[in-house]
Amino acid sequence: MPLGIAQRWRQRREWRVPAAGVIDTRRYGVDVVCERKAKRFVVEQHYSGTYPAARMAVGLYEKRGHQRPSSLVGVAVFGVPMNQQVIPRHLGLAPDRGVELSRLVLLDQVPGNGESWFVARCFRLLRTEKPEVEGVVSYCDPVERRGDDGQIVMPGHVGTVYTRR
């Protein structure tokens, strides 16, 4: 995938948005989001159409000015891994001392580097809200998916957001 593109998934379809531009951090806020709102957003927007067993969900809010409320434009879900051995095996911690970054969803209107900015703030909030959590694991999901043109995309994720730079 070209570096000038951010790969996102919405309504089970791949979307590629320009990675150009830098997020204007004054326009966004990050806060814990209730499970009901997070679940509705994730089920509607995430390619899997499912919501995991969550320990905490964090919302990305776009500020709309004094007269209009902020709008939810992204959600990150820190969940319980499918297998209880994931945390001990990969992090060397007790199962309850780690979480999985189970879902990460941003709407296309968020600038292309929004994922990095949002995830960094999610980690800070996780540290504050769940001080017992010492580690996070996450996976790139290489399962084939349908692109925005309906064609099969393999692998389903490039995994750039998971790459350490």
N, C-alpha and C. Protein backbone atom coordinates (compact mmCIF):
# COMPACT_ATOMS: atom_id res chain seq x y z
N MET A 1 0.85 -1.17 0.00
CA MET A 1 0.00 0.00 0.00
C MET A 1 0.90 1.23 0.00
N PRO A 2 0.59 2.22 -0.84
CA PRO A 2 1.39 3.44 -0.85
C PRO A 2 1.35 4.14 0.51
N LEU A 3 2.43 4.78 0.88
CA LEU A 3 2.50 5.44 2.18
C LEU A 3 1.58 6.65 2.27
N GLY A 4 1.12 7.18 1.16
CA GLY A 4 0.25 8.35 1.16
C GLY A 4 -1.22 8.01 1.39
N ILE A 5 -1.51 6.77 1.71
CA ILE A 5 -2.90 6.31 1.87
C ILE A 5 -3.07 5.68 3.24
N ALA A 6 -4.21 5.93 3.87
CA ALA A 6 -4.57 5.25 5.12
C ALA A 6 -5.68 4.26 4.80
N GLN A 7 -5.48 3.00 5.17
CA GLN A 7 -6.49 1.97 4.92
C GLN A 7 -7.46 1.95 6.09
N ARG A 8 -8.74 2.09 5.77
CA ARG A 8 -9.79 2.00 6.79
C ARG A 8 -10.89 1.09 6.27
N TRP A 9 -11.65 0.58 7.21
CA TRP A 9 -12.75 -0.32 6.86
C TRP A 9 -14.03 0.27 7.43
N ARG A 10 -15.08 0.30 6.62
CA ARG A 10 -16.37 0.81 7.07
C ARG A 10 -17.46 -0.03 6.43
N GLN A 11 -18.41 -0.42 7.22
CA GLN A 11 -19.54 -1.22 6.74
C GLN A 11 -19.04 -2.42 5.94
N ARG A 12 -17.99 -3.04 6.47
CA ARG A 12 -17.38 -4.25 5.91
C ARG A 12 -16.75 -4.07 4.54
N ARG A 13 -16.42 -2.85 4.21
CA ARG A 13 -15.76 -2.55 2.95
C ARG A 13 -14.48 -1.77 3.22
N GLU A 14 -13.51 -1.95 2.35
CA GLU A 14 -12.25 -1.23 2.48
C GLU A 14 -12.40 0.17 1.89
N TRP A 15 -11.82 1.13 2.58
CA TRP A 15 -11.77 2.51 2.09
C TRP A 15 -10.33 2.98 2.23
N ARG A 16 -9.88 3.69 1.26
CA ARG A 16 -8.53 4.26 1.34
C ARG A 16 -8.67 5.77 1.33
N VAL A 17 -8.21 6.37 2.38
CA VAL A 17 -8.30 7.83 2.50
C VAL A 17 -6.91 8.42 2.44
N PRO A 18 -6.79 9.63 1.90
CA PRO A 18 -5.47 10.26 1.82
C PRO A 18 -4.87 10.42 3.21
N ALA A 19 -3.61 10.04 3.34
CA ALA A 19 -2.92 10.18 4.62
C ALA A 19 -2.36 11.59 4.77
N ALA A 20 -2.55 12.40 3.73
CA ALA A 20 -2.03 13.77 3.77
C ALA A 20 -2.73 14.56 4.86
N GLY A 21 -2.05 15.56 5.32
CA GLY A 21 -2.63 16.39 6.36
C GLY A 21 -2.29 15.84 7.73
N VAL A 22 -2.32 16.72 8.67
CA VAL A 22 -2.01 16.36 10.04
C VAL A 22 -3.23 16.68 10.88
N ILE A 23 -3.54 15.80 11.79
CA ILE A 23 -4.71 16.00 12.64
C ILE A 23 -4.56 17.30 13.43
N ASP A 24 -5.61 18.10 13.41
CA ASP A 24 -5.64 19.33 14.20
C ASP A 24 -6.13 18.93 15.58
N THR A 25 -5.22 18.76 16.50
CA THR A 25 -5.56 18.21 17.82
C THR A 25 -6.51 19.10 18.60
N ARG A 26 -6.62 20.36 18.22
CA ARG A 26 -7.58 21.25 18.91
C ARG A 26 -9.02 20.88 18.58
N ARG A 27 -9.22 20.17 17.49
CA ARG A 27 -10.58 19.82 17.06
C ARG A 27 -11.06 18.48 17.62
N TYR A 28 -10.21 17.78 18.35
CA TYR A 28 -10.57 16.43 18.81
C TYR A 28 -10.35 16.27 20.30
N GLY A 29 -11.14 15.41 20.88
CA GLY A 29 -11.00 15.04 22.27
C GLY A 29 -11.12 13.54 22.42
N VAL A 30 -10.56 13.01 23.48
CA VAL A 30 -10.56 11.57 23.74
C VAL A 30 -11.09 11.34 25.15
N ASP A 31 -12.02 10.39 25.27
CA ASP A 31 -12.59 10.10 26.59
C ASP A 31 -13.17 8.70 26.59
N VAL A 32 -13.35 8.16 27.78
CA VAL A 32 -14.02 6.86 27.92
C VAL A 32 -15.43 7.02 27.37
N VAL A 33 -15.88 6.02 26.64
CA VAL A 33 -17.23 6.03 26.06
C VAL A 33 -18.00 4.86 26.65
N CYS A 34 -19.29 5.07 26.92
CA CYS A 34 -20.09 3.99 27.50
C CYS A 34 -20.21 2.84 26.51
N GLU A 35 -20.38 1.65 27.06
CA GLU A 35 -20.40 0.45 26.22
C GLU A 35 -21.53 0.48 25.19
N ARG A 36 -22.66 1.02 25.56
CA ARG A 36 -23.80 1.06 24.63
C ARG A 36 -23.44 1.86 23.37
N LYS A 37 -22.87 3.05 23.55
CA LYS A 37 -22.48 3.89 22.40
C LYS A 37 -21.35 3.25 21.61
N ALA A 38 -20.36 2.73 22.34
CA ALA A 38 -19.22 2.10 21.68
C ALA A 38 -19.68 0.90 20.85
N LYS A 39 -20.53 0.08 21.42
CA LYS A 39 -21.00 -1.11 20.71
C LYS A 39 -21.77 -0.73 19.45
N ARG A 40 -22.65 0.24 19.55
CA ARG A 40 -23.44 0.66 18.39
C ARG A 40 -22.50 1.17 17.28
N PHE A 41 -21.53 1.99 17.65
CA PHE A 41 -20.59 2.55 16.67
C PHE A 41 -19.77 1.44 16.02
N VAL A 42 -19.21 0.56 16.83
CA VAL A 42 -18.33 -0.50 16.32
C VAL A 42 -19.10 -1.48 15.44
N VAL A 43 -20.26 -1.92 15.87
CA VAL A 43 -21.03 -2.88 15.07
C VAL A 43 -21.41 -2.27 13.72
N GLU A 44 -21.72 -0.99 13.72
CA GLU A 44 -22.11 -0.32 12.48
C GLU A 44 -20.92 -0.04 11.57
N GLN A 45 -19.77 0.30 12.12
CA GLN A 45 -18.65 0.78 11.32
C GLN A 45 -17.52 -0.23 11.09
N HIS A 46 -17.28 -1.13 12.03
CA HIS A 46 -16.14 -2.05 11.91
C HIS A 46 -16.44 -3.16 10.90
N TYR A 47 -15.44 -3.57 10.14
CA TYR A 47 -15.65 -4.57 9.10
C TYR A 47 -16.20 -5.89 9.63
N SER A 48 -15.92 -6.23 10.89
CA SER A 48 -16.38 -7.51 11.43
C SER A 48 -17.86 -7.48 11.80
N GLY A 49 -18.39 -6.28 12.07
CA GLY A 49 -19.78 -6.17 12.49
C GLY A 49 -20.05 -6.75 13.87
N THR A 50 -18.99 -6.93 14.67
CA THR A 50 -19.15 -7.52 16.00
C THR A 50 -18.47 -6.65 17.05
N TYR A 51 -18.87 -6.88 18.30
CA TYR A 51 -18.28 -6.16 19.43
C TYR A 51 -17.69 -7.18 20.40
N PRO A 52 -16.44 -6.99 20.81
CA PRO A 52 -15.78 -7.97 21.67
C PRO A 52 -16.15 -7.82 23.15
N ALA A 53 -15.70 -8.77 23.94
CA ALA A 53 -15.82 -8.66 25.41
C ALA A 53 -14.86 -7.56 25.83
N ALA A 54 -15.41 -6.43 26.26
CA ALA A 54 -14.60 -5.24 26.49
C ALA A 54 -14.31 -5.00 27.96
N ARG A 55 -13.11 -4.51 28.22
CA ARG A 55 -12.77 -4.02 29.56
C ARG A 55 -12.87 -2.51 29.60
N MET A 56 -12.68 -1.87 28.44
CA MET A 56 -12.80 -0.42 28.37
C MET A 56 -12.91 0.00 26.91
N ALA A 57 -13.75 0.99 26.65
CA ALA A 57 -13.86 1.56 25.30
C ALA A 57 -13.56 3.05 25.39
N VAL A 58 -12.86 3.54 24.38
CA VAL A 58 -12.46 4.95 24.34
C VAL A 58 -13.00 5.56 23.05
N GLY A 59 -13.56 6.76 23.18
CA GLY A 59 -14.11 7.44 22.02
C GLY A 59 -13.24 8.61 21.57
N LEU A 60 -13.21 8.81 20.26
CA LEU A 60 -12.59 9.99 19.66
C LEU A 60 -13.73 10.91 19.27
N TYR A 61 -13.72 12.12 19.80
CA TYR A 61 -14.80 13.07 19.57
C TYR A 61 -14.29 14.27 18.78
N GLU A 62 -15.04 14.63 17.75
CA GLU A 62 -14.74 15.84 16.99
C GLU A 62 -15.55 16.97 17.58
N LYS A 63 -14.86 18.01 17.99
CA LYS A 63 -15.53 19.16 18.60
C LYS A 63 -16.23 19.97 17.51
N ARG A 64 -17.48 20.35 17.77
CA ARG A 64 -18.29 21.02 16.76
C ARG A 64 -18.61 22.47 17.08
N GLY A 65 -18.05 23.01 18.10
CA GLY A 65 -18.34 24.39 18.48
C GLY A 65 -19.26 24.44 19.68
N HIS A 66 -19.51 25.64 20.16
CA HIS A 66 -20.29 25.82 21.39
C HIS A 66 -21.76 25.45 21.22
N GLN A 67 -22.32 25.63 20.06
CA GLN A 67 -23.75 25.40 19.85
C GLN A 67 -24.09 23.95 19.55
N ARG A 68 -23.12 23.19 19.10
CA ARG A 68 -23.38 21.80 18.71
C ARG A 68 -22.53 20.85 19.56
N PRO A 69 -23.10 19.72 19.95
CA PRO A 69 -22.32 18.76 20.76
C PRO A 69 -21.23 18.10 19.92
N SER A 70 -20.23 17.59 20.61
CA SER A 70 -19.17 16.85 19.94
C SER A 70 -19.75 15.61 19.29
N SER A 71 -19.10 15.17 18.22
CA SER A 71 -19.56 14.02 17.47
C SER A 71 -18.56 12.86 17.63
N LEU A 72 -19.07 11.66 17.88
CA LEU A 72 -18.22 10.47 17.99
C LEU A 72 -17.73 10.07 16.60
N VAL A 73 -16.42 10.10 16.39
CA VAL A 73 -15.85 9.79 15.08
C VAL A 73 -14.86 8.63 15.12
N GLY A 74 -14.69 8.02 16.29
CA GLY A 74 -13.79 6.89 16.40
C GLY A 74 -13.96 6.18 17.73
N VAL A 75 -13.63 4.89 17.74
CA VAL A 75 -13.69 4.09 18.96
C VAL A 75 -12.54 3.10 18.97
N ALA A 76 -11.92 2.97 20.12
CA ALA A 76 -10.94 1.91 20.37
C ALA A 76 -11.48 1.08 21.52
N VAL A 77 -11.42 -0.23 21.37
CA VAL A 77 -11.92 -1.13 22.42
C VAL A 77 -10.77 -1.98 22.93
N PHE A 78 -10.55 -1.91 24.23
CA PHE A 78 -9.58 -2.77 24.89
C PHE A 78 -10.37 -3.92 25.49
N GLY A 79 -10.08 -5.13 25.03
CA GLY A 79 -10.90 -6.26 25.43
C GLY A 79 -10.12 -7.39 26.05
N VAL A 80 -10.87 -8.43 26.33
CA VAL A 80 -10.34 -9.67 26.89
C VAL A 80 -9.94 -10.56 25.72
N PRO A 81 -8.70 -11.03 25.65
CA PRO A 81 -8.30 -11.91 24.55
C PRO A 81 -9.16 -13.18 24.49
N MET A 82 -9.32 -13.73 23.31
CA MET A 82 -10.11 -14.94 23.12
C MET A 82 -9.54 -16.11 23.93
N ASN A 83 -8.23 -16.15 24.06
CA ASN A 83 -7.56 -17.22 24.79
C ASN A 83 -6.85 -16.62 26.00
N GLN A 84 -7.09 -17.16 27.16
CA GLN A 84 -6.50 -16.63 28.39
C GLN A 84 -4.98 -16.77 28.46
N GLN A 85 -4.39 -17.53 27.55
CA GLN A 85 -2.93 -17.68 27.55
C GLN A 85 -2.22 -16.61 26.74
N VAL A 86 -2.96 -15.78 26.03
CA VAL A 86 -2.35 -14.75 25.18
C VAL A 86 -1.47 -13.80 26.00
N ILE A 87 -2.01 -13.25 27.06
CA ILE A 87 -1.26 -12.27 27.85
C ILE A 87 -0.03 -12.91 28.51
N PRO A 88 -0.18 -14.05 29.21
CA PRO A 88 1.02 -14.67 29.79
C PRO A 88 2.06 -15.05 28.73
N ARG A 89 1.59 -15.57 27.61
CA ARG A 89 2.52 -16.05 26.58
C ARG A 89 3.30 -14.91 25.92
N HIS A 90 2.61 -13.84 25.57
CA HIS A 90 3.27 -12.76 24.82
C HIS A 90 3.83 -11.64 25.68
N LEU A 91 3.25 -11.45 26.87
CA LEU A 91 3.70 -10.35 27.72
C LEU A 91 4.35 -10.81 29.02
N GLY A 92 4.20 -12.10 29.35
CA GLY A 92 4.77 -12.60 30.60
C GLY A 92 4.04 -12.08 31.83
N LEU A 93 2.78 -11.73 31.68
CA LEU A 93 1.97 -11.19 32.78
C LEU A 93 0.81 -12.12 33.08
N ALA A 94 0.22 -11.95 34.24
CA ALA A 94 -1.01 -12.68 34.56
C ALA A 94 -2.10 -12.22 33.59
N PRO A 95 -3.05 -13.09 33.25
CA PRO A 95 -4.09 -12.75 32.27
C PRO A 95 -4.83 -11.44 32.55
N ASP A 96 -5.08 -11.14 33.81
CA ASP A 96 -5.84 -9.92 34.14
C ASP A 96 -4.98 -8.66 34.12
N ARG A 97 -3.67 -8.80 33.87
CA ARG A 97 -2.76 -7.64 33.85
C ARG A 97 -2.55 -7.11 32.43
N GLY A 98 -3.23 -7.70 31.46
CA GLY A 98 -3.10 -7.24 30.08
C GLY A 98 -4.44 -7.23 29.38
N VAL A 99 -4.49 -6.51 28.27
CA VAL A 99 -5.69 -6.43 27.44
C VAL A 99 -5.29 -6.56 25.98
N GLU A 100 -6.29 -6.75 25.16
CA GLU A 100 -6.09 -6.78 23.71
C GLU A 100 -6.73 -5.53 23.12
N LEU A 101 -6.03 -4.85 22.22
CA LEU A 101 -6.66 -3.78 21.46
C LEU A 101 -7.52 -4.50 20.42
N SER A 102 -8.79 -4.71 20.77
CA SER A 102 -9.67 -5.57 19.99
C SER A 102 -10.30 -4.89 18.79
N ARG A 103 -10.56 -3.60 18.89
CA ARG A 103 -11.17 -2.87 17.78
C ARG A 103 -10.56 -1.47 17.73
N LEU A 104 -10.36 -0.99 16.51
CA LEU A 104 -9.92 0.38 16.27
C LEU A 104 -10.65 0.86 15.02
N VAL A 105 -11.53 1.82 15.19
CA VAL A 105 -12.37 2.29 14.09
C VAL A 105 -12.38 3.82 14.08
N LEU A 106 -12.04 4.42 12.95
CA LEU A 106 -12.14 5.86 12.77
C LEU A 106 -12.92 6.14 11.50
N LEU A 107 -13.76 7.15 11.54
CA LEU A 107 -14.48 7.55 10.34
C LEU A 107 -13.52 8.24 9.37
N ASP A 108 -13.90 8.25 8.10
CA ASP A 108 -13.03 8.80 7.06
C ASP A 108 -12.72 10.27 7.23
N GLN A 109 -13.56 11.02 7.91
CA GLN A 109 -13.34 12.46 8.08
C GLN A 109 -12.15 12.77 8.98
N VAL A 110 -11.68 11.78 9.74
CA VAL A 110 -10.51 11.97 10.59
C VAL A 110 -9.27 11.92 9.70
N PRO A 111 -8.36 12.90 9.82
CA PRO A 111 -7.17 12.91 8.97
C PRO A 111 -6.39 11.59 9.04
N GLY A 112 -5.61 11.34 7.99
CA GLY A 112 -4.92 10.07 7.81
C GLY A 112 -4.00 9.64 8.93
N ASN A 113 -3.49 10.55 9.72
CA ASN A 113 -2.62 10.16 10.83
C ASN A 113 -3.39 10.10 12.15
N GLY A 114 -4.72 10.10 12.07
CA GLY A 114 -5.55 10.11 13.27
C GLY A 114 -5.39 8.88 14.14
N GLU A 115 -5.15 7.72 13.52
CA GLU A 115 -5.00 6.49 14.29
C GLU A 115 -3.87 6.59 15.31
N SER A 116 -2.71 7.06 14.86
CA SER A 116 -1.55 7.15 15.76
C SER A 116 -1.82 8.10 16.92
N TRP A 117 -2.37 9.26 16.61
CA TRP A 117 -2.67 10.25 17.64
C TRP A 117 -3.69 9.70 18.63
N PHE A 118 -4.74 9.07 18.11
CA PHE A 118 -5.81 8.53 18.94
C PHE A 118 -5.31 7.39 19.82
N VAL A 119 -4.59 6.45 19.26
CA VAL A 119 -4.11 5.30 20.03
C VAL A 119 -3.17 5.74 21.15
N ALA A 120 -2.32 6.71 20.89
CA ALA A 120 -1.41 7.20 21.94
C ALA A 120 -2.22 7.73 23.13
N ARG A 121 -3.29 8.47 22.85
CA ARG A 121 -4.12 9.01 23.93
C ARG A 121 -4.96 7.92 24.59
N CYS A 122 -5.34 6.92 23.82
CA CYS A 122 -6.06 5.78 24.41
C CYS A 122 -5.18 5.06 25.43
N PHE A 123 -3.91 4.87 25.10
CA PHE A 123 -3.00 4.20 26.03
C PHE A 123 -2.85 5.01 27.32
N ARG A 124 -2.75 6.32 27.19
CA ARG A 124 -2.65 7.17 28.39
C ARG A 124 -3.90 7.05 29.25
N LEU A 125 -5.05 7.06 28.61
CA LEU A 125 -6.32 6.95 29.33
C LEU A 125 -6.46 5.57 29.97
N LEU A 126 -6.03 4.53 29.25
CA LEU A 126 -6.06 3.17 29.80
C LEU A 126 -5.21 3.10 31.06
N ARG A 127 -4.05 3.71 31.03
CA ARG A 127 -3.15 3.71 32.18
C ARG A 127 -3.80 4.39 33.39
N THR A 128 -4.56 5.45 33.13
CA THR A 128 -5.24 6.19 34.21
C THR A 128 -6.45 5.43 34.74
N GLU A 129 -7.28 4.93 33.84
CA GLU A 129 -8.54 4.29 34.21
C GLU A 129 -8.37 2.86 34.71
N LYS A 130 -7.38 2.16 34.20
CA LYS A 130 -7.14 0.76 34.55
C LYS A 130 -5.67 0.58 34.93
N PRO A 131 -5.25 1.12 36.08
CA PRO A 131 -3.83 1.08 36.43
C PRO A 131 -3.28 -0.34 36.61
N GLU A 132 -4.15 -1.31 36.80
CA GLU A 132 -3.69 -2.70 36.93
C GLU A 132 -3.22 -3.28 35.60
N VAL A 133 -3.60 -2.66 34.49
CA VAL A 133 -3.20 -3.15 33.16
C VAL A 133 -1.78 -2.69 32.88
N GLU A 134 -0.91 -3.67 32.59
CA GLU A 134 0.50 -3.38 32.35
C GLU A 134 0.92 -3.60 30.90
N GLY A 135 0.04 -4.19 30.09
CA GLY A 135 0.42 -4.46 28.71
C GLY A 135 -0.77 -4.60 27.79
N VAL A 136 -0.50 -4.36 26.51
CA VAL A 136 -1.53 -4.45 25.47
C VAL A 136 -0.98 -5.28 24.32
N VAL A 137 -1.79 -6.20 23.83
CA VAL A 137 -1.46 -6.94 22.61
C VAL A 137 -2.47 -6.56 21.54
N SER A 138 -2.06 -6.72 20.29
CA SER A 138 -2.97 -6.46 19.18
C SER A 138 -2.51 -7.28 17.99
N TYR A 139 -3.43 -7.53 17.10
CA TYR A 139 -3.15 -8.37 15.95
C TYR A 139 -3.61 -7.71 14.66
N CYS A 140 -2.87 -7.93 13.61
CA CYS A 140 -3.31 -7.59 12.27
C CYS A 140 -4.15 -8.78 11.80
N ASP A 141 -5.32 -8.51 11.26
CA ASP A 141 -6.23 -9.57 10.82
C ASP A 141 -6.04 -9.79 9.32
N PRO A 142 -5.27 -10.81 8.92
CA PRO A 142 -4.96 -10.99 7.50
C PRO A 142 -6.05 -11.71 6.69
N VAL A 143 -7.21 -11.91 7.27
CA VAL A 143 -8.29 -12.62 6.58
C VAL A 143 -8.77 -11.79 5.39
N GLU A 144 -9.06 -12.44 4.28
CA GLU A 144 -9.53 -11.70 3.11
C GLU A 144 -10.84 -10.96 3.40
N ARG A 145 -10.98 -9.81 2.78
CA ARG A 145 -12.17 -8.96 2.93
C ARG A 145 -12.56 -8.44 1.55
N ARG A 146 -13.70 -7.80 1.46
CA ARG A 146 -14.12 -7.18 0.21
C ARG A 146 -13.72 -5.70 0.21
N GLY A 147 -13.14 -5.27 -0.89
CA GLY A 147 -12.76 -3.87 -1.05
C GLY A 147 -13.96 -3.01 -1.38
N ASP A 148 -13.72 -1.70 -1.51
CA ASP A 148 -14.83 -0.79 -1.80
C ASP A 148 -15.44 -1.03 -3.17
N ASP A 149 -14.72 -1.74 -4.03
CA ASP A 149 -15.27 -2.08 -5.35
C ASP A 149 -15.91 -3.47 -5.36
N GLY A 150 -15.99 -4.12 -4.19
CA GLY A 150 -16.61 -5.44 -4.08
C GLY A 150 -15.66 -6.60 -4.34
N GLN A 151 -14.43 -6.32 -4.76
CA GLN A 151 -13.45 -7.36 -5.05
C GLN A 151 -12.80 -7.85 -3.76
N ILE A 152 -12.36 -9.10 -3.78
CA ILE A 152 -11.67 -9.68 -2.63
C ILE A 152 -10.31 -9.00 -2.46
N VAL A 153 -10.02 -8.60 -1.23
CA VAL A 153 -8.73 -8.01 -0.88
C VAL A 153 -8.01 -9.00 0.01
N MET A 154 -6.80 -9.37 -0.37
CA MET A 154 -6.02 -10.30 0.43
C MET A 154 -4.60 -9.77 0.51
N PRO A 155 -4.01 -9.57 1.66
CA PRO A 155 -4.63 -9.77 2.96
C PRO A 155 -5.62 -8.66 3.26
N GLY A 156 -6.51 -8.94 4.18
CA GLY A 156 -7.55 -7.98 4.54
C GLY A 156 -7.02 -6.72 5.17
N HIS A 157 -5.93 -6.84 5.88
CA HIS A 157 -5.30 -5.68 6.51
C HIS A 157 -3.86 -5.63 6.10
N VAL A 158 -3.39 -4.45 5.90
CA VAL A 158 -1.97 -4.27 5.65
C VAL A 158 -1.22 -4.31 6.98
N GLY A 159 -1.84 -3.78 8.03
CA GLY A 159 -1.25 -3.84 9.36
C GLY A 159 -0.32 -2.70 9.69
N THR A 160 -0.35 -1.63 8.91
CA THR A 160 0.56 -0.51 9.13
C THR A 160 0.43 0.08 10.52
N VAL A 161 -0.79 0.16 11.04
CA VAL A 161 -0.99 0.76 12.36
C VAL A 161 -0.29 -0.06 13.45
N TYR A 162 0.00 -1.32 13.16
CA TYR A 162 0.64 -2.19 14.13
C TYR A 162 2.16 -2.19 14.01
N THR A 163 2.69 -1.50 13.02
CA THR A 163 4.12 -1.50 12.77
C THR A 163 4.81 -0.48 13.65
N ARG A 164 5.84 -0.92 14.33
CA ARG A 164 6.63 -0.01 15.16
C ARG A 164 7.56 0.77 14.25
N ARG A 165 7.59 2.07 14.41
CA ARG A 165 8.45 2.91 13.55
C ARG A 165 9.48 3.63 14.37
